Amino acid sequence: QVRLVESGGGSVQSGGSLRLSCVASVYTDSGYCVAWFRQAPGKEREGVASIDSAGSTAYADSVKGRFTISQDVAKNTLYLEMNSLKPEDTATYYCAAEGRRIEIWFRLSRNVYSYWGQGTQVTVSS
């Protein structure tokens, strides 16, 4: 059973930065893909960024150049560094994982991930 535990959410002003962390028991030699999603009130959950066991990354257009996804395999931890935050980044952020590599054009689709964390709230005020 894969467990995902997020932390690092909070409240910041527009232009500020936050780093989210997700401890994920999915890091194996057999391949995996991990990702960050977010869901704002009244909106669908959307993919933000993903990284796989080969270190290949994918980003949503809305966060390119501002967010960076990374991982520390030795610590079983996934990170999301968020800079230049905007009020529209306000959402609950979720960590997701799948125990196999996923083709890059599917990596920001919520349907391909079997495991999810409980979410951490990020609020950006103007």
Protein backbone atom coordinates (compact mmCIF):
# COMPACT_ATOMS: atom_id res chain seq x y z
CA GLN A 1 0.00 0.00 0.00
CA VAL A 2 1.38 3.38 -1.04
CA ARG A 3 1.10 6.18 1.51
CA LEU A 4 1.38 9.85 0.61
CA VAL A 5 1.62 12.58 3.24
CA GLU A 6 1.78 16.22 2.17
CA SER A 7 3.01 19.19 4.18
CA GLY A 8 4.13 22.77 3.67
CA GLY A 9 0.93 24.54 2.74
CA GLY A 10 0.05 27.93 4.19
CA SER A 11 -0.94 31.50 3.46
CA VAL A 12 1.24 33.95 1.58
CA GLN A 13 0.87 37.25 -0.22
CA SER A 14 0.95 37.55 -3.97
CA GLY A 15 4.51 37.24 -5.24
CA GLY A 16 5.55 35.07 -2.32
CA SER A 17 6.93 31.54 -2.23
CA LEU A 18 6.10 28.22 -0.62
CA ARG A 19 7.56 24.73 -0.77
CA LEU A 20 5.34 21.70 -0.52
CA SER A 21 6.63 18.30 0.50
CA CYS A 22 5.16 14.84 0.07
CA VAL A 23 6.59 11.75 1.72
CA ALA A 24 5.70 8.95 -0.67
CA SER A 25 6.31 5.22 -0.18
CA VAL A 26 6.41 4.67 -3.94
CA TYR A 27 10.09 5.07 -4.69
CA THR A 28 11.22 1.74 -6.10
CA ASP A 29 13.56 0.53 -8.83
CA SER A 30 10.67 -0.75 -10.90
CA GLY A 31 9.56 2.68 -12.07
CA TYR A 32 7.03 5.21 -10.85
CA CYS A 33 5.48 8.57 -11.56
CA VAL A 34 4.58 11.15 -8.92
CA ALA A 35 2.75 14.41 -9.37
CA TRP A 36 1.16 17.44 -7.79
CA PHE A 37 -2.45 18.32 -8.47
CA ARG A 38 -4.58 21.15 -7.15
CA GLN A 39 -8.26 21.81 -6.71
CA ALA A 40 -9.85 25.19 -6.10
CA PRO A 41 -13.40 25.50 -4.74
CA GLY A 42 -15.93 24.81 -7.47
CA LYS A 43 -13.29 23.68 -9.95
CA GLU A 44 -12.01 20.35 -11.15
CA ARG A 45 -8.77 18.89 -9.89
CA GLU A 46 -5.98 19.83 -12.28
CA GLY A 47 -2.46 18.57 -12.79
CA VAL A 48 0.30 20.98 -11.86
CA ALA A 49 3.58 19.10 -12.29
CA SER A 50 4.91 15.56 -12.47
CA ILE A 51 8.22 13.74 -12.30
CA ASP A 52 9.02 10.10 -12.93
CA SER A 53 11.69 7.59 -12.00
CA ALA A 54 13.87 8.78 -14.90
CA GLY A 55 13.66 12.37 -13.69
CA SER A 56 11.48 13.45 -16.60
CA THR A 57 9.24 16.38 -15.68
CA ALA A 58 6.03 17.88 -17.00
CA TYR A 59 4.32 21.14 -16.04
CA ALA A 60 1.00 22.79 -16.62
CA ASP A 61 1.31 25.93 -18.75
CA SER A 62 -0.11 28.02 -15.92
CA VAL A 63 2.87 27.27 -13.64
CA LYS A 64 5.78 26.96 -16.05
CA GLY A 65 8.65 29.18 -15.02
CA ARG A 66 7.22 29.66 -11.51
CA PHE A 67 6.95 26.15 -10.03
CA THR A 68 9.64 23.48 -9.85
CA ILE A 69 9.03 19.82 -9.06
CA SER A 70 11.86 17.75 -7.61
CA GLN A 71 12.43 14.60 -5.62
CA ASP A 72 14.84 13.21 -3.08
CA VAL A 73 14.70 9.47 -3.61
CA ALA A 74 16.84 8.73 -0.55
CA LYS A 75 14.24 10.52 1.59
CA ASN A 76 11.22 9.17 -0.33
CA THR A 77 10.13 12.78 -0.71
CA LEU A 78 8.59 14.80 -3.50
CA TYR A 79 8.77 18.60 -3.50
CA LEU A 80 7.02 21.47 -5.23
CA GLU A 81 8.80 24.79 -5.06
CA MET A 82 6.31 27.55 -5.82
CA ASN A 83 7.54 31.06 -6.59
CA SER A 84 5.83 34.23 -7.79
CA LEU A 85 2.58 32.95 -6.37
CA LYS A 86 -0.66 34.47 -7.61
CA PRO A 87 -4.14 34.54 -6.05
CA GLU A 88 -5.28 32.10 -8.74
CA ASP A 89 -2.83 29.54 -7.31
CA THR A 90 -5.05 29.31 -4.24
CA ALA A 91 -6.21 25.69 -3.92
CA THR A 92 -5.82 22.47 -2.04
CA TYR A 93 -2.72 20.76 -3.37
CA TYR A 94 -2.55 16.99 -3.60
CA CYS A 95 0.31 14.60 -4.09
CA ALA A 96 -0.40 11.65 -6.41
CA ALA A 97 1.55 8.53 -7.28
CA GLU A 98 1.49 5.60 -9.65
CA GLY A 99 3.79 2.60 -9.44
CA ARG A 100 4.84 2.70 -13.09
CA ARG A 101 6.12 5.20 -15.61
CA ILE A 102 3.46 7.08 -17.57
CA GLU A 103 3.68 8.54 -21.06
CA ILE A 104 4.39 12.25 -20.76
CA TRP A 105 1.15 13.37 -22.41
CA PHE A 106 -0.88 11.61 -19.69
CA ARG A 107 1.14 12.61 -16.64
CA LEU A 108 -1.06 15.55 -15.67
CA SER A 109 -4.27 13.56 -16.00
CA ARG A 110 -5.75 12.63 -12.64
CA ASN A 111 -7.18 9.39 -14.03
CA VAL A 112 -3.79 7.65 -14.30
CA TYR A 113 -2.89 7.91 -10.62
CA SER A 114 -3.95 5.27 -8.13
CA TYR A 115 -2.71 6.83 -4.93
CA TRP A 116 -3.47 10.22 -3.42
CA GLY A 117 -2.53 12.21 -0.36
CA GLN A 118 -4.94 14.04 1.88
CA GLY A 119 -4.11 17.48 0.52
CA THR A 120 -2.58 20.67 1.90
CA GLN A 121 -4.12 24.13 1.58
CA VAL A 122 -2.33 26.98 -0.19
CA THR A 123 -3.85 30.44 0.03
CA VAL A 124 -2.43 33.42 -1.85
CA SER A 125 -3.79 36.84 -1.02
CA SER A 126 -3.56 39.89 -3.27
